[in-house]
């Protein structure tokens, strides 16, 4: 087995096996931390930091997932979306923990995320692509997490 096959094997393992499991665990922890915050239990800020930071790392790494397309625009969309999602999630974390700088992160992440979703909609309307279906699924998940956490920050 040569080095490129080993690298490809690790990338496949990371993006197809490890990241989905880590993402699922972090999403469950996000929901648990929101319930903890509603009940005003101790340890909520720490659990929020762990869960949302882990989810942000997953979003960031998704920006570097290998794609089958040779198009430069497709590669830019994937990277832009991954980084924008991570910034948006960290901005919501800062909002929940009342840390300074959350508004700037929410603006930067939100604009980046919006541009990425717009590019995906424009590109996917031209042709059916498995890449765009996968990206829309990932980004809608991120949008749902951000929306729930953002909304819960105003309820509590």
C-alpha atoms as a PDB file:
ATOM      1  CA  UNK A   1       0.000   0.000   0.000  1.00  0.00           C
ATOM      2  CA  UNK A   2       1.532   3.326  -1.005  1.00  0.00           C
ATOM      3  CA  UNK A   3       1.393   6.636   0.851  1.00  0.00           C
ATOM      4  CA  UNK A   4      -1.423   8.195  -1.205  1.00  0.00           C
ATOM      5  CA  UNK A   5      -3.710   5.226  -0.515  1.00  0.00           C
ATOM      6  CA  UNK A   6      -2.985   5.513   3.201  1.00  0.00           C
ATOM      7  CA  UNK A   7      -3.755   9.235   3.162  1.00  0.00           C
ATOM      8  CA  UNK A   8      -6.941   8.635   1.230  1.00  0.00           C
ATOM      9  CA  UNK A   9      -7.871   5.932   3.717  1.00  0.00           C
ATOM     10  CA  UNK A  10      -7.408   8.313   6.646  1.00  0.00           C
ATOM     11  CA  UNK A  11      -9.394  11.073   4.911  1.00  0.00           C
ATOM     12  CA  UNK A  12     -12.212   8.641   4.211  1.00  0.00           C
ATOM     13  CA  UNK A  13     -12.134   7.476   7.821  1.00  0.00           C
ATOM     14  CA  UNK A  14     -12.138  11.048   9.126  1.00  0.00           C
ATOM     15  CA  UNK A  15     -14.859  12.505   6.905  1.00  0.00           C
ATOM     16  CA  UNK A  16     -17.127   9.473   6.569  1.00  0.00           C
ATOM     17  CA  UNK A  17     -16.827   7.784   9.968  1.00  0.00           C
ATOM     18  CA  UNK A  18     -15.325   9.971  12.681  1.00  0.00           C
ATOM     19  CA  UNK A  19     -16.803  13.409  11.906  1.00  0.00           C
ATOM     20  CA  UNK A  20     -20.436  12.243  11.611  1.00  0.00           C
ATOM     21  CA  UNK A  21     -20.176  10.523  15.001  1.00  0.00           C
ATOM     22  CA  UNK A  22     -18.489  13.504  16.646  1.00  0.00           C
ATOM     23  CA  UNK A  23     -21.092  15.787  15.077  1.00  0.00           C
ATOM     24  CA  UNK A  24     -23.958  13.691  16.439  1.00  0.00           C
ATOM     25  CA  UNK A  25     -22.447  13.613  19.923  1.00  0.00           C
ATOM     26  CA  UNK A  26     -21.858  17.368  19.910  1.00  0.00           C
ATOM     27  CA  UNK A  27     -25.434  18.028  18.742  1.00  0.00           C
ATOM     28  CA  UNK A  28     -26.810  15.901  21.560  1.00  0.00           C
ATOM     29  CA  UNK A  29     -24.599  17.769  24.023  1.00  0.00           C
ATOM     30  CA  UNK A  30     -25.867  21.101  22.644  1.00  0.00           C
ATOM     31  CA  UNK A  31     -29.450  20.038  23.341  1.00  0.00           C
ATOM     32  CA  UNK A  32     -28.528  18.792  26.819  1.00  0.00           C
ATOM     33  CA  UNK A  33     -26.735  22.052  27.598  1.00  0.00           C
ATOM     34  CA  UNK A  34     -29.789  24.071  26.519  1.00  0.00           C
ATOM     35  CA  UNK A  35     -31.956  21.985  28.867  1.00  0.00           C
ATOM     36  CA  UNK A  36     -29.377  22.524  31.622  1.00  0.00           C
ATOM     37  CA  UNK A  37     -29.542  26.261  31.003  1.00  0.00           C
ATOM     38  CA  UNK A  38     -33.355  26.201  31.192  1.00  0.00           C
ATOM     39  CA  UNK A  39     -33.155  24.391  34.522  1.00  0.00           C
ATOM     40  CA  UNK A  40     -30.371  26.704  35.762  1.00  0.00           C
ATOM     41  CA  UNK A  41     -28.124  23.788  36.649  1.00  0.00           C
ATOM     42  CA  UNK A  42     -24.448  24.119  37.455  1.00  0.00           C
ATOM     43  CA  UNK A  43     -21.943  23.292  34.764  1.00  0.00           C
ATOM     44  CA  UNK A  44     -23.992  24.761  31.945  1.00  0.00           C
ATOM     45  CA  UNK A  45     -21.347  27.204  30.655  1.00  0.00           C
ATOM     46  CA  UNK A  46     -18.730  24.461  30.534  1.00  0.00           C
ATOM     47  CA  UNK A  47     -21.044  22.070  28.722  1.00  0.00           C
ATOM     48  CA  UNK A  48     -21.989  24.818  26.253  1.00  0.00           C
ATOM     49  CA  UNK A  49     -18.318  25.545  25.587  1.00  0.00           C
ATOM     50  CA  UNK A  50     -17.491  21.904  24.993  1.00  0.00           C
ATOM     51  CA  UNK A  51     -20.489  21.109  22.814  1.00  0.00           C
ATOM     52  CA  UNK A  52     -20.537  24.223  20.634  1.00  0.00           C
ATOM     53  CA  UNK A  53     -16.743  24.312  20.291  1.00  0.00           C
ATOM     54  CA  UNK A  54     -16.758  20.694  19.186  1.00  0.00           C
ATOM     55  CA  UNK A  55     -19.502  21.406  16.686  1.00  0.00           C
ATOM     56  CA  UNK A  56     -17.569  24.433  15.386  1.00  0.00           C
ATOM     57  CA  UNK A  57     -14.486  22.258  14.871  1.00  0.00           C
ATOM     58  CA  UNK A  58     -16.611  19.751  12.942  1.00  0.00           C
ATOM     59  CA  UNK A  59     -17.974  22.569  10.760  1.00  0.00           C
ATOM     60  CA  UNK A  60     -14.479  23.913  10.157  1.00  0.00           C
ATOM     61  CA  UNK A  61     -13.114  20.494   9.204  1.00  0.00           C
ATOM     62  CA  UNK A  62     -16.036  19.964   6.829  1.00  0.00           C
ATOM     63  CA  UNK A  63     -14.684  22.939   4.915  1.00  0.00           C
ATOM     64  CA  UNK A  64     -11.626  20.854   4.084  1.00  0.00           C
ATOM     65  CA  UNK A  65     -13.391  17.676   3.058  1.00  0.00           C
ATOM     66  CA  UNK A  66     -12.245  16.276  -0.274  1.00  0.00           C
ATOM     67  CA  UNK A  67     -14.742  16.806  -3.079  1.00  0.00           C
ATOM     68  CA  UNK A  68     -15.028  15.128  -6.464  1.00  0.00           C
ATOM     69  CA  UNK A  69     -15.393  18.356  -8.410  1.00  0.00           C
ATOM     70  CA  UNK A  70     -12.507  19.981 -10.272  1.00  0.00           C
ATOM     71  CA  UNK A  71     -14.252  23.358 -10.229  1.00  0.00           C
ATOM     72  CA  UNK A  72     -12.447  26.021  -8.248  1.00  0.00           C
ATOM     73  CA  UNK A  73     -15.769  27.633  -7.341  1.00  0.00           C
ATOM     74  CA  UNK A  74     -16.994  24.371  -5.810  1.00  0.00           C
ATOM     75  CA  UNK A  75     -13.860  24.156  -3.664  1.00  0.00           C
ATOM     76  CA  UNK A  76     -14.260  27.778  -2.589  1.00  0.00           C
ATOM     77  CA  UNK A  77     -17.926  27.211  -1.691  1.00  0.00           C
ATOM     78  CA  UNK A  78     -17.019  24.238   0.513  1.00  0.00           C
ATOM     79  CA  UNK A  79     -14.215  26.096   2.311  1.00  0.00           C
ATOM     80  CA  UNK A  80     -16.213  29.317   2.639  1.00  0.00           C
ATOM     81  CA  UNK A  81     -19.165  27.420   4.057  1.00  0.00           C
ATOM     82  CA  UNK A  82     -17.101  25.452   6.547  1.00  0.00           C
ATOM     83  CA  UNK A  83     -15.278  28.477   7.910  1.00  0.00           C
ATOM     84  CA  UNK A  84     -18.435  30.619   7.925  1.00  0.00           C
ATOM     85  CA  UNK A  85     -20.370  27.932   9.791  1.00  0.00           C
ATOM     86  CA  UNK A  86     -17.632  27.635  12.398  1.00  0.00           C
ATOM     87  CA  UNK A  87     -17.536  31.413  12.943  1.00  0.00           C
ATOM     88  CA  UNK A  88     -21.325  31.518  13.244  1.00  0.00           C
ATOM     89  CA  UNK A  89     -21.385  28.708  15.826  1.00  0.00           C
ATOM     90  CA  UNK A  90     -18.616  30.337  17.890  1.00  0.00           C
ATOM     91  CA  UNK A  91     -20.513  33.650  17.693  1.00  0.00           C
ATOM     92  CA  UNK A  92     -23.594  31.970  19.147  1.00  0.00           C
ATOM     93  CA  UNK A  93     -21.410  30.399  21.853  1.00  0.00           C
ATOM     94  CA  UNK A  94     -20.062  33.848  22.746  1.00  0.00           C
ATOM     95  CA  UNK A  95     -23.638  35.178  22.845  1.00  0.00           C
ATOM     96  CA  UNK A  96     -24.774  32.397  25.185  1.00  0.00           C
ATOM     97  CA  UNK A  97     -21.814  32.989  27.499  1.00  0.00           C
ATOM     98  CA  UNK A  98     -22.169  36.800  27.329  1.00  0.00           C
ATOM     99  CA  UNK A  99     -18.621  37.232  26.043  1.00  0.00           C
ATOM    100  CA  UNK A 100     -17.537  40.357  24.155  1.00  0.00           C
ATOM    101  CA  UNK A 101     -17.244  40.148  20.374  1.00  0.00           C
ATOM    102  CA  UNK A 102     -20.283  37.985  19.755  1.00  0.00           C
ATOM    103  CA  UNK A 103     -22.015  40.524  17.524  1.00  0.00           C
ATOM    104  CA  UNK A 104     -19.032  40.807  15.181  1.00  0.00           C
ATOM    105  CA  UNK A 105     -18.752  37.030  14.943  1.00  0.00           C
ATOM    106  CA  UNK A 106     -22.464  36.687  14.270  1.00  0.00           C
ATOM    107  CA  UNK A 107     -22.266  39.294  11.516  1.00  0.00           C
ATOM    108  CA  UNK A 108     -19.187  37.818   9.852  1.00  0.00           C
ATOM    109  CA  UNK A 109     -20.433  34.248  10.190  1.00  0.00           C
ATOM    110  CA  UNK A 110     -23.963  35.145   9.125  1.00  0.00           C
ATOM    111  CA  UNK A 111     -22.871  37.045   6.019  1.00  0.00           C
ATOM    112  CA  UNK A 112     -20.428  34.306   5.049  1.00  0.00           C
ATOM    113  CA  UNK A 113     -23.049  31.639   5.656  1.00  0.00           C
ATOM    114  CA  UNK A 114     -25.638  33.589   3.653  1.00  0.00           C
ATOM    115  CA  UNK A 115     -23.293  34.101   0.706  1.00  0.00           C
ATOM    116  CA  UNK A 116     -22.426  30.407   0.749  1.00  0.00           C
ATOM    117  CA  UNK A 117     -26.081  29.366   0.775  1.00  0.00           C
ATOM    118  CA  UNK A 118     -26.801  31.805  -2.068  1.00  0.00           C
ATOM    119  CA  UNK A 119     -23.956  30.375  -4.151  1.00  0.00           C
ATOM    120  CA  UNK A 120     -25.165  26.842  -3.465  1.00  0.00           C
ATOM    121  CA  UNK A 121     -28.694  27.721  -4.555  1.00  0.00           C
ATOM    122  CA  UNK A 122     -27.443  29.386  -7.752  1.00  0.00           C
ATOM    123  CA  UNK A 123     -25.025  26.562  -8.583  1.00  0.00           C
ATOM    124  CA  UNK A 124     -27.470  23.766  -7.775  1.00  0.00           C
ATOM    125  CA  UNK A 125     -30.202  25.260  -9.956  1.00  0.00           C
ATOM    126  CA  UNK A 126     -28.000  24.713 -13.008  1.00  0.00           C
ATOM    127  CA  UNK A 127     -27.500  21.014 -12.468  1.00  0.00           C
ATOM    128  CA  UNK A 128     -28.325  18.277 -10.025  1.00  0.00           C
ATOM    129  CA  UNK A 129     -25.270  17.476  -7.976  1.00  0.00           C
ATOM    130  CA  UNK A 130     -24.756  15.148  -5.062  1.00  0.00           C
ATOM    131  CA  UNK A 131     -22.213  17.619  -3.650  1.00  0.00           C
ATOM    132  CA  UNK A 132     -24.778  20.399  -3.319  1.00  0.00           C
ATOM    133  CA  UNK A 133     -27.388  18.110  -1.778  1.00  0.00           C
ATOM    134  CA  UNK A 134     -24.816  17.077   0.826  1.00  0.00           C
ATOM    135  CA  UNK A 135     -23.770  20.686   1.489  1.00  0.00           C
ATOM    136  CA  UNK A 136     -27.355  21.893   1.838  1.00  0.00           C
ATOM    137  CA  UNK A 137     -28.019  19.102   4.323  1.00  0.00           C
ATOM    138  CA  UNK A 138     -24.949  20.023   6.390  1.00  0.00           C
ATOM    139  CA  UNK A 139     -25.622  23.757   6.332  1.00  0.00           C
ATOM    140  CA  UNK A 140     -29.306  23.388   7.190  1.00  0.00           C
ATOM    141  CA  UNK A 141     -28.257  21.343  10.214  1.00  0.00           C
ATOM    142  CA  UNK A 142     -25.914  24.155  11.237  1.00  0.00           C
ATOM    143  CA  UNK A 143     -28.639  26.738  10.662  1.00  0.00           C
ATOM    144  CA  UNK A 144     -31.017  24.749  12.874  1.00  0.00           C
ATOM    145  CA  UNK A 145     -28.452  24.504  15.690  1.00  0.00           C
ATOM    146  CA  UNK A 146     -27.611  28.192  15.498  1.00  0.00           C
ATOM    147  CA  UNK A 147     -31.297  29.167  15.412  1.00  0.00           C
ATOM    148  CA  UNK A 148     -32.236  27.030  18.406  1.00  0.00           C
ATOM    149  CA  UNK A 149     -29.307  28.197  20.509  1.00  0.00           C
ATOM    150  CA  UNK A 150     -29.767  31.854  19.484  1.00  0.00           C
ATOM    151  CA  UNK A 151     -33.490  31.735  20.250  1.00  0.00           C
ATOM    152  CA  UNK A 152     -32.933  29.988  23.577  1.00  0.00           C
ATOM    153  CA  UNK A 153     -30.459  32.697  24.601  1.00  0.00           C
ATOM    154  CA  UNK A 154     -33.309  35.214  24.531  1.00  0.00           C
ATOM    155  CA  UNK A 155     -35.739  32.954  26.366  1.00  0.00           C
ATOM    156  CA  UNK A 156     -33.457  32.357  29.308  1.00  0.00           C
END
